Amino acid sequence: MGIINGLILVILGALCVPPLVAQKSPNAKALLDKIVPFQGIFGFIMFIWGIWVLIQCVLNLGWFGLVFPWGLIYWITILVDGILSLFGGAILGWGLIQQNILAKASDNVKAKAEESFAKIVALQPKIGMAAIIFGLWVIISSIIFRI
């Protein structure tokens, strides 16, 4: 966790909701236009990162035993980070996921992946806003808890 991870979540969220962000700030639109060419690679990396973080959450269920409620808050923070990274990364990196992961899959698996992706894309603005807000929480919590 940490400030860098929070900033990455904010960027992920901003890339998921470009029309919303661009309407609010012309400076943000200029910055997003510079980042957009790399969003596929960024999304793919965030997708893999989300999988890794979720695996770490399962492996570190012992954090519940840390000083209550801080261990629980820390674990939930990491869990939500992993979920948002996974889904936001899937949205942004779908082209690379199809090219690298689903290329060797069966037609049945590809069809199910397309169906799941359609459901996730419908939630894109919500996932983006949640990633921005949660990224700010990660930054604030890492300062407060010195994580």
C-alpha atoms as a PDB file:
ATOM      1  CA  MET A   1       0.000   0.000   0.000  1.00  0.00           C
ATOM      2  CA  GLY A   2       1.103   3.548   0.219  1.00  0.00           C
ATOM      3  CA  ILE A   3       0.953   6.897  -1.433  1.00  0.00           C
ATOM      4  CA  ILE A   4       2.186   5.589  -4.791  1.00  0.00           C
ATOM      5  CA  ASN A   5      -0.468   2.880  -4.834  1.00  0.00           C
ATOM      6  CA  GLY A   6      -3.126   5.490  -4.053  1.00  0.00           C
ATOM      7  CA  LEU A   7      -1.897   7.684  -6.905  1.00  0.00           C
ATOM      8  CA  ILE A   8      -1.983   4.721  -9.278  1.00  0.00           C
ATOM      9  CA  LEU A   9      -5.597   4.019  -8.271  1.00  0.00           C
ATOM     10  CA  VAL A  10      -6.506   7.657  -8.905  1.00  0.00           C
ATOM     11  CA  ILE A  11      -4.925   7.452 -12.378  1.00  0.00           C
ATOM     12  CA  LEU A  12      -6.741   4.165 -13.045  1.00  0.00           C
ATOM     13  CA  GLY A  13     -10.028   5.751 -12.043  1.00  0.00           C
ATOM     14  CA  ALA A  14      -9.358   8.840 -14.142  1.00  0.00           C
ATOM     15  CA  LEU A  15      -8.699   6.667 -17.182  1.00  0.00           C
ATOM     16  CA  CYS A  16     -11.960   4.798 -16.579  1.00  0.00           C
ATOM     17  CA  VAL A  17     -14.038   7.991 -16.514  1.00  0.00           C
ATOM     18  CA  PRO A  18     -12.408  10.333 -19.055  1.00  0.00           C
ATOM     19  CA  PRO A  19     -15.595  12.119 -20.171  1.00  0.00           C
ATOM     20  CA  LEU A  20     -16.554  12.870 -16.573  1.00  0.00           C
ATOM     21  CA  VAL A  21     -13.088  14.143 -15.660  1.00  0.00           C
ATOM     22  CA  ALA A  22     -12.593  16.077 -18.905  1.00  0.00           C
ATOM     23  CA  GLN A  23     -15.847  17.974 -18.347  1.00  0.00           C
ATOM     24  CA  LYS A  24     -14.723  19.136 -14.917  1.00  0.00           C
ATOM     25  CA  SER A  25     -11.209  20.265 -15.734  1.00  0.00           C
ATOM     26  CA  PRO A  26      -9.552  21.184 -19.044  1.00  0.00           C
ATOM     27  CA  ASN A  27      -6.125  20.587 -17.463  1.00  0.00           C
ATOM     28  CA  ALA A  28      -7.123  17.036 -16.602  1.00  0.00           C
ATOM     29  CA  LYS A  29      -8.235  16.443 -20.200  1.00  0.00           C
ATOM     30  CA  ALA A  30      -4.807  17.473 -21.486  1.00  0.00           C
ATOM     31  CA  LEU A  31      -3.109  15.112 -19.026  1.00  0.00           C
ATOM     32  CA  LEU A  32      -5.483  12.246 -19.882  1.00  0.00           C
ATOM     33  CA  ASP A  33      -4.847  12.741 -23.603  1.00  0.00           C
ATOM     34  CA  LYS A  34      -1.147  12.153 -22.938  1.00  0.00           C
ATOM     35  CA  ILE A  35      -1.805   8.972 -20.944  1.00  0.00           C
ATOM     36  CA  VAL A  36      -4.490   7.383 -23.174  1.00  0.00           C
ATOM     37  CA  PRO A  37      -2.033   5.776 -25.658  1.00  0.00           C
ATOM     38  CA  PHE A  38      -0.578   3.768 -22.790  1.00  0.00           C
ATOM     39  CA  GLN A  39      -3.866   2.807 -21.162  1.00  0.00           C
ATOM     40  CA  GLY A  40      -3.898  -0.721 -22.626  1.00  0.00           C
ATOM     41  CA  ILE A  41      -0.509  -1.560 -21.156  1.00  0.00           C
ATOM     42  CA  PHE A  42      -1.379   0.205 -17.903  1.00  0.00           C
ATOM     43  CA  GLY A  43      -4.701  -1.665 -17.731  1.00  0.00           C
ATOM     44  CA  PHE A  44      -3.060  -5.022 -18.360  1.00  0.00           C
ATOM     45  CA  ILE A  45      -0.497  -4.381 -15.623  1.00  0.00           C
ATOM     46  CA  MET A  46      -3.252  -3.298 -13.229  1.00  0.00           C
ATOM     47  CA  PHE A  47      -5.253  -6.432 -14.080  1.00  0.00           C
ATOM     48  CA  ILE A  48      -2.286  -8.648 -13.186  1.00  0.00           C
ATOM     49  CA  TRP A  49      -1.619  -6.491 -10.082  1.00  0.00           C
ATOM     50  CA  GLY A  50      -5.246  -6.915  -8.995  1.00  0.00           C
ATOM     51  CA  ILE A  51      -4.952 -10.700  -9.240  1.00  0.00           C
ATOM     52  CA  TRP A  52      -1.742 -10.587  -7.195  1.00  0.00           C
ATOM     53  CA  VAL A  53      -3.253  -8.353  -4.508  1.00  0.00           C
ATOM     54  CA  LEU A  54      -6.325 -10.591  -4.177  1.00  0.00           C
ATOM     55  CA  ILE A  55      -4.089 -13.643  -3.783  1.00  0.00           C
ATOM     56  CA  GLN A  56      -2.159 -11.775  -1.080  1.00  0.00           C
ATOM     57  CA  CYS A  57      -5.435 -10.950   0.696  1.00  0.00           C
ATOM     58  CA  VAL A  58      -6.335 -14.618   0.870  1.00  0.00           C
ATOM     59  CA  LEU A  59      -2.852 -15.589   2.027  1.00  0.00           C
ATOM     60  CA  ASN A  60      -2.796 -12.876   4.699  1.00  0.00           C
ATOM     61  CA  LEU A  61      -6.097 -13.467   6.433  1.00  0.00           C
ATOM     62  CA  GLY A  62      -4.065 -13.358   9.645  1.00  0.00           C
ATOM     63  CA  TRP A  63      -4.112  -9.565   9.479  1.00  0.00           C
ATOM     64  CA  PHE A  64      -7.495  -9.800  11.184  1.00  0.00           C
ATOM     65  CA  GLY A  65      -5.559 -10.764  14.296  1.00  0.00           C
ATOM     66  CA  LEU A  66      -3.652  -7.498  14.316  1.00  0.00           C
ATOM     67  CA  VAL A  67      -4.725  -4.787  16.702  1.00  0.00           C
ATOM     68  CA  PHE A  68      -8.472  -4.481  16.187  1.00  0.00           C
ATOM     69  CA  PRO A  69      -9.869  -2.630  14.233  1.00  0.00           C
ATOM     70  CA  TRP A  70      -6.731  -1.486  12.383  1.00  0.00           C
ATOM     71  CA  GLY A  71      -5.847  -4.926  11.052  1.00  0.00           C
ATOM     72  CA  LEU A  72      -9.358  -5.344   9.702  1.00  0.00           C
ATOM     73  CA  ILE A  73      -9.352  -1.860   8.130  1.00  0.00           C
ATOM     74  CA  TYR A  74      -5.952  -2.533   6.553  1.00  0.00           C
ATOM     75  CA  TRP A  75      -7.085  -5.901   5.148  1.00  0.00           C
ATOM     76  CA  ILE A  76     -10.324  -4.454   3.740  1.00  0.00           C
ATOM     77  CA  THR A  77      -8.348  -1.587   2.194  1.00  0.00           C
ATOM     78  CA  ILE A  78      -6.075  -4.050   0.425  1.00  0.00           C
ATOM     79  CA  LEU A  79      -9.041  -6.185  -0.668  1.00  0.00           C
ATOM     80  CA  VAL A  80     -10.885  -3.230  -2.220  1.00  0.00           C
ATOM     81  CA  ASP A  81      -7.630  -2.089  -3.854  1.00  0.00           C
ATOM     82  CA  GLY A  82      -7.271  -5.518  -5.455  1.00  0.00           C
ATOM     83  CA  ILE A  83     -10.875  -5.605  -6.667  1.00  0.00           C
ATOM     84  CA  LEU A  84     -10.723  -2.126  -8.185  1.00  0.00           C
ATOM     85  CA  SER A  85      -7.323  -2.837  -9.772  1.00  0.00           C
ATOM     86  CA  LEU A  86      -8.609  -6.092 -11.247  1.00  0.00           C
ATOM     87  CA  PHE A  87     -11.814  -4.680 -12.740  1.00  0.00           C
ATOM     88  CA  GLY A  88     -10.397  -1.309 -13.775  1.00  0.00           C
ATOM     89  CA  GLY A  89      -7.393  -3.027 -15.311  1.00  0.00           C
ATOM     90  CA  ALA A  90      -9.669  -5.450 -17.170  1.00  0.00           C
ATOM     91  CA  ILE A  91     -11.605  -2.531 -18.644  1.00  0.00           C
ATOM     92  CA  LEU A  92      -8.531  -0.608 -19.787  1.00  0.00           C
ATOM     93  CA  GLY A  93      -6.445  -3.591 -20.846  1.00  0.00           C
ATOM     94  CA  TRP A  94      -9.132  -5.728 -22.494  1.00  0.00           C
ATOM     95  CA  GLY A  95      -7.377  -5.715 -25.879  1.00  0.00           C
ATOM     96  CA  LEU A  96      -4.125  -6.985 -24.402  1.00  0.00           C
ATOM     97  CA  ILE A  97      -5.950  -9.493 -22.187  1.00  0.00           C
ATOM     98  CA  GLN A  98      -7.642 -10.931 -25.286  1.00  0.00           C
ATOM     99  CA  GLN A  99      -4.364 -10.967 -27.166  1.00  0.00           C
ATOM    100  CA  ASN A 100      -2.179 -12.508 -24.442  1.00  0.00           C
ATOM    101  CA  ILE A 101      -4.409 -14.508 -22.118  1.00  0.00           C
ATOM    102  CA  LEU A 102      -7.493 -15.489 -24.116  1.00  0.00           C
ATOM    103  CA  ALA A 103      -5.707 -16.186 -27.406  1.00  0.00           C
ATOM    104  CA  LYS A 104      -5.097 -19.817 -26.486  1.00  0.00           C
ATOM    105  CA  ALA A 105      -8.434 -20.359 -24.747  1.00  0.00           C
ATOM    106  CA  SER A 106     -11.331 -22.373 -26.139  1.00  0.00           C
ATOM    107  CA  ASP A 107     -14.260 -20.697 -27.862  1.00  0.00           C
ATOM    108  CA  ASN A 108     -16.470 -21.383 -24.844  1.00  0.00           C
ATOM    109  CA  VAL A 109     -14.055 -19.597 -22.514  1.00  0.00           C
ATOM    110  CA  LYS A 110     -13.755 -16.673 -24.943  1.00  0.00           C
ATOM    111  CA  ALA A 111     -17.550 -16.342 -25.135  1.00  0.00           C
ATOM    112  CA  LYS A 112     -17.876 -16.337 -21.336  1.00  0.00           C
ATOM    113  CA  ALA A 113     -15.066 -13.776 -21.063  1.00  0.00           C
ATOM    114  CA  GLU A 114     -16.793 -11.496 -23.594  1.00  0.00           C
ATOM    115  CA  GLU A 115     -20.062 -11.812 -21.670  1.00  0.00           C
ATOM    116  CA  SER A 116     -18.332 -10.966 -18.381  1.00  0.00           C
ATOM    117  CA  PHE A 117     -16.507  -8.050 -19.973  1.00  0.00           C
ATOM    118  CA  ALA A 118     -19.793  -6.594 -21.246  1.00  0.00           C
ATOM    119  CA  LYS A 119     -21.118  -6.624 -17.668  1.00  0.00           C
ATOM    120  CA  ILE A 120     -17.970  -4.972 -16.307  1.00  0.00           C
ATOM    121  CA  VAL A 121     -17.937  -2.238 -18.985  1.00  0.00           C
ATOM    122  CA  ALA A 122     -21.480  -1.276 -17.988  1.00  0.00           C
ATOM    123  CA  LEU A 123     -20.028  -0.423 -14.564  1.00  0.00           C
ATOM    124  CA  GLN A 124     -17.023   1.496 -15.953  1.00  0.00           C
ATOM    125  CA  PRO A 125     -17.980   4.976 -14.666  1.00  0.00           C
ATOM    126  CA  LYS A 126     -18.808   3.600 -11.211  1.00  0.00           C
ATOM    127  CA  ILE A 127     -15.568   1.624 -11.046  1.00  0.00           C
ATOM    128  CA  GLY A 128     -13.650   4.716 -12.158  1.00  0.00           C
ATOM    129  CA  MET A 129     -15.219   6.976  -9.529  1.00  0.00           C
ATOM    130  CA  ALA A 130     -14.738   4.326  -6.845  1.00  0.00           C
ATOM    131  CA  ALA A 131     -11.056   3.988  -7.824  1.00  0.00           C
ATOM    132  CA  ILE A 132     -10.531   7.753  -7.583  1.00  0.00           C
ATOM    133  CA  ILE A 133     -12.239   8.031  -4.207  1.00  0.00           C
ATOM    134  CA  PHE A 134     -10.580   4.914  -2.865  1.00  0.00           C
ATOM    135  CA  GLY A 135      -7.187   6.022  -4.195  1.00  0.00           C
ATOM    136  CA  LEU A 136      -7.569   9.191  -2.145  1.00  0.00           C
ATOM    137  CA  TRP A 137      -8.468   7.044   0.899  1.00  0.00           C
ATOM    138  CA  VAL A 138      -5.321   4.947   0.358  1.00  0.00           C
ATOM    139  CA  ILE A 139      -3.200   8.111   0.242  1.00  0.00           C
ATOM    140  CA  ILE A 140      -4.806   9.520   3.400  1.00  0.00           C
ATOM    141  CA  SER A 141      -4.690   6.209   5.276  1.00  0.00           C
ATOM    142  CA  SER A 142      -1.050   5.637   4.375  1.00  0.00           C
ATOM    143  CA  ILE A 143      -0.241   9.040   5.852  1.00  0.00           C
ATOM    144  CA  ILE A 144      -2.343   8.447   8.976  1.00  0.00           C
ATOM    145  CA  PHE A 145      -1.279   4.837   9.585  1.00  0.00           C
ATOM    146  CA  ARG A 146       2.201   5.250   8.044  1.00  0.00           C
ATOM    147  CA  ILE A 147       1.749   2.078   5.986  1.00  0.00           C
END
